[in-house]
Protein backbone atom coordinates (compact mmCIF):
# COMPACT_ATOMS: atom_id res chain seq x y z
CA MET A 1 -27.18 65.77 -5.33
CA SER A 2 -30.59 64.64 -6.55
CA PRO A 3 -31.89 61.13 -5.74
CA LEU A 4 -31.21 60.00 -9.32
CA GLU A 5 -27.72 61.46 -9.25
CA SER A 6 -26.92 59.92 -5.85
CA VAL A 7 -27.98 56.43 -6.87
CA THR A 8 -26.12 56.78 -10.17
CA HIS A 9 -22.90 57.76 -8.39
CA LEU A 10 -23.20 54.80 -6.03
CA CYS A 11 -23.75 52.44 -8.97
CA ALA A 12 -20.79 53.98 -10.81
CA LEU A 13 -18.60 53.34 -7.77
CA ILE A 14 -19.63 49.69 -7.85
CA GLN A 15 -19.18 49.43 -11.63
CA MET A 16 -15.69 50.91 -11.49
CA ALA A 17 -14.59 48.82 -8.49
CA ASP A 18 -13.03 46.12 -10.65
CA GLY A 19 -11.42 48.58 -13.06
CA ARG A 20 -13.79 47.87 -15.95
CA VAL A 21 -17.37 48.82 -16.69
CA GLU A 22 -19.17 46.03 -18.53
CA TYR A 23 -22.30 46.30 -20.69
CA GLU A 24 -24.22 44.08 -18.24
CA GLU A 25 -23.40 46.46 -15.39
CA LYS A 26 -24.69 49.45 -17.33
CA GLN A 27 -27.87 47.54 -18.16
CA SER A 28 -28.31 46.62 -14.51
CA TRP A 29 -27.90 50.28 -13.53
CA SER A 30 -30.48 51.26 -16.14
CA ASN A 31 -32.95 48.69 -14.76
CA LEU A 32 -32.43 50.06 -11.25
CA ILE A 33 -33.04 53.62 -12.38
CA GLU A 34 -36.25 52.61 -14.17
CA LYS A 35 -37.55 50.87 -11.04
CA LEU A 36 -36.64 53.67 -8.63
CA PHE A 37 -37.50 56.64 -10.85
CA PRO A 38 -40.12 55.60 -13.42
CA ASP A 39 -40.44 59.16 -14.76
CA PHE A 40 -36.72 59.76 -15.24
CA LEU A 41 -35.25 61.29 -18.38
CA GLU A 42 -32.83 58.86 -20.02
CA ASP A 43 -30.51 61.57 -21.32
CA ARG A 44 -30.30 63.14 -17.88
CA ALA A 45 -29.48 59.79 -16.27
CA ASP A 46 -26.84 59.05 -18.90
CA ASN A 47 -25.25 62.45 -18.26
CA PHE A 48 -25.16 61.73 -14.52
CA LEU A 49 -23.46 58.39 -15.21
CA THR A 50 -20.86 59.99 -17.47
CA ASP A 51 -20.21 62.69 -14.87
CA ALA A 52 -19.93 60.08 -12.11
CA PHE A 53 -17.34 58.10 -14.06
CA LYS A 54 -15.27 61.26 -14.56
CA ILE A 55 -15.48 62.31 -10.91
CA ILE A 56 -14.67 58.85 -9.58
CA ASN A 57 -11.86 58.25 -12.07
CA ASP A 58 -10.09 61.38 -10.81
CA LYS A 59 -10.06 60.14 -7.19
CA GLN A 60 -7.39 58.11 -5.42
CA ASP A 61 -8.51 54.96 -3.56
CA PHE A 62 -8.83 56.64 -0.14
CA GLU A 63 -10.77 59.49 -1.77
CA ARG A 64 -13.12 56.97 -3.39
CA ASP A 65 -13.77 55.39 0.00
CA ASN A 66 -14.68 58.79 1.46
CA TYR A 67 -16.76 59.62 -1.60
CA THR A 68 -18.65 56.32 -1.24
CA LEU A 69 -19.55 57.26 2.34
CA ALA A 70 -20.66 60.74 1.27
CA VAL A 71 -22.88 59.34 -1.48
CA ILE A 72 -24.43 56.83 0.92
CA GLU A 73 -25.10 59.61 3.43
CA ARG A 74 -26.92 61.52 0.72
CA ILE A 75 -28.93 58.42 -0.23
CA LYS A 76 -30.06 58.10 3.41
CA VAL A 77 -31.60 61.56 3.09
CA VAL A 78 -33.19 61.33 -0.35
CA LEU A 79 -34.61 57.78 -0.50
CA ASP A 80 -37.44 56.35 1.55
CA GLY A 81 -37.67 52.82 2.98
CA ASP A 82 -39.37 51.32 -0.07
CA GLN A 83 -36.78 52.86 -2.38
CA LEU A 84 -33.95 51.56 -0.17
CA LYS A 85 -35.38 48.03 -0.46
CA ILE A 86 -35.40 48.32 -4.27
CA LEU A 87 -31.89 49.77 -4.17
CA THR A 88 -30.64 46.86 -2.05
CA ASP A 89 -32.12 44.21 -4.34
CA GLU A 90 -30.87 45.90 -7.48
CA ILE A 91 -27.36 46.54 -6.13
CA SER A 92 -27.13 42.81 -5.59
CA GLU A 93 -28.04 42.30 -9.24
CA LEU A 94 -25.57 44.97 -10.34
CA ILE A 95 -22.70 43.34 -8.48
CA LYS A 96 -23.53 39.92 -9.94
CA SER A 97 -24.36 41.20 -13.44
CA ASP A 98 -20.98 40.68 -15.11
CA GLY A 99 -20.70 37.14 -13.76
CA ILE A 100 -17.73 37.82 -11.47
CA ILE A 101 -17.93 39.22 -7.96
CA MET A 102 -14.69 41.03 -7.21
CA THR A 103 -13.28 41.68 -3.73
CA LYS A 104 -13.69 45.46 -4.07
CA GLU A 105 -17.37 45.00 -4.99
CA ILE A 106 -17.87 42.90 -1.85
CA GLU A 107 -16.14 45.60 0.21
CA ILE A 108 -18.46 48.28 -1.18
CA ALA A 109 -21.48 46.03 -0.53
CA LYS A 110 -20.39 45.66 3.10
CA VAL A 111 -20.09 49.43 3.48
CA ILE A 112 -23.56 49.91 1.97
CA GLU A 113 -24.99 47.25 4.29
CA ARG A 114 -23.37 48.82 7.35
CA GLU A 115 -24.27 52.40 6.53
CA LEU A 116 -27.85 51.73 5.36
CA ASP A 117 -28.51 48.88 7.80
CA LEU A 118 -29.59 46.61 4.93
CA LYS A 119 -28.59 43.18 3.63
CA ILE A 120 -27.26 42.73 0.10
CA ASN A 121 -27.59 39.16 -1.15
CA LEU A 122 -24.53 38.14 -3.15
CA ASP A 123 -25.27 34.41 -3.19
CA GLU A 124 -25.34 32.82 -6.63
CA ASP A 125 -28.91 32.14 -7.73
C-alpha cells in the first residue's frame, strides 16, 4: 500500500465508523491528503477512497479491527515524523468534522494513539 492509499484507508475506516459518510468528512479527508501529499493526483486519491469503502464495507467488525491495525502498521513504515504530526492533527479534524463524535470514532482514535504513540485532540474548540 502506498502512503496515499494507507492514509486514505485509515480515514475511510474513521468515516465509516458511525455507519454514514458525511460530506464534511470527505472534505476533511481531502484537506488531509492535500497537506500530506501536495503533488497527489485527485482522481487517484478518489479511486483509493472508493476502493477503501468497498474493502471496509465487506468486512465484519472484528475484521475491521484487524484491518485498522494492519493499516496503522503500514503507516508507521511509510510516513515520517512530520507527516505523522500532520496526520494526527487532521484525524482530529476528521473525527470532529460532522459535528458528532461517535463512540466507535473515539475507539479508533485510541487505537491510533496507542499504535503510533501520538495524541489526538478530540476536545471541542
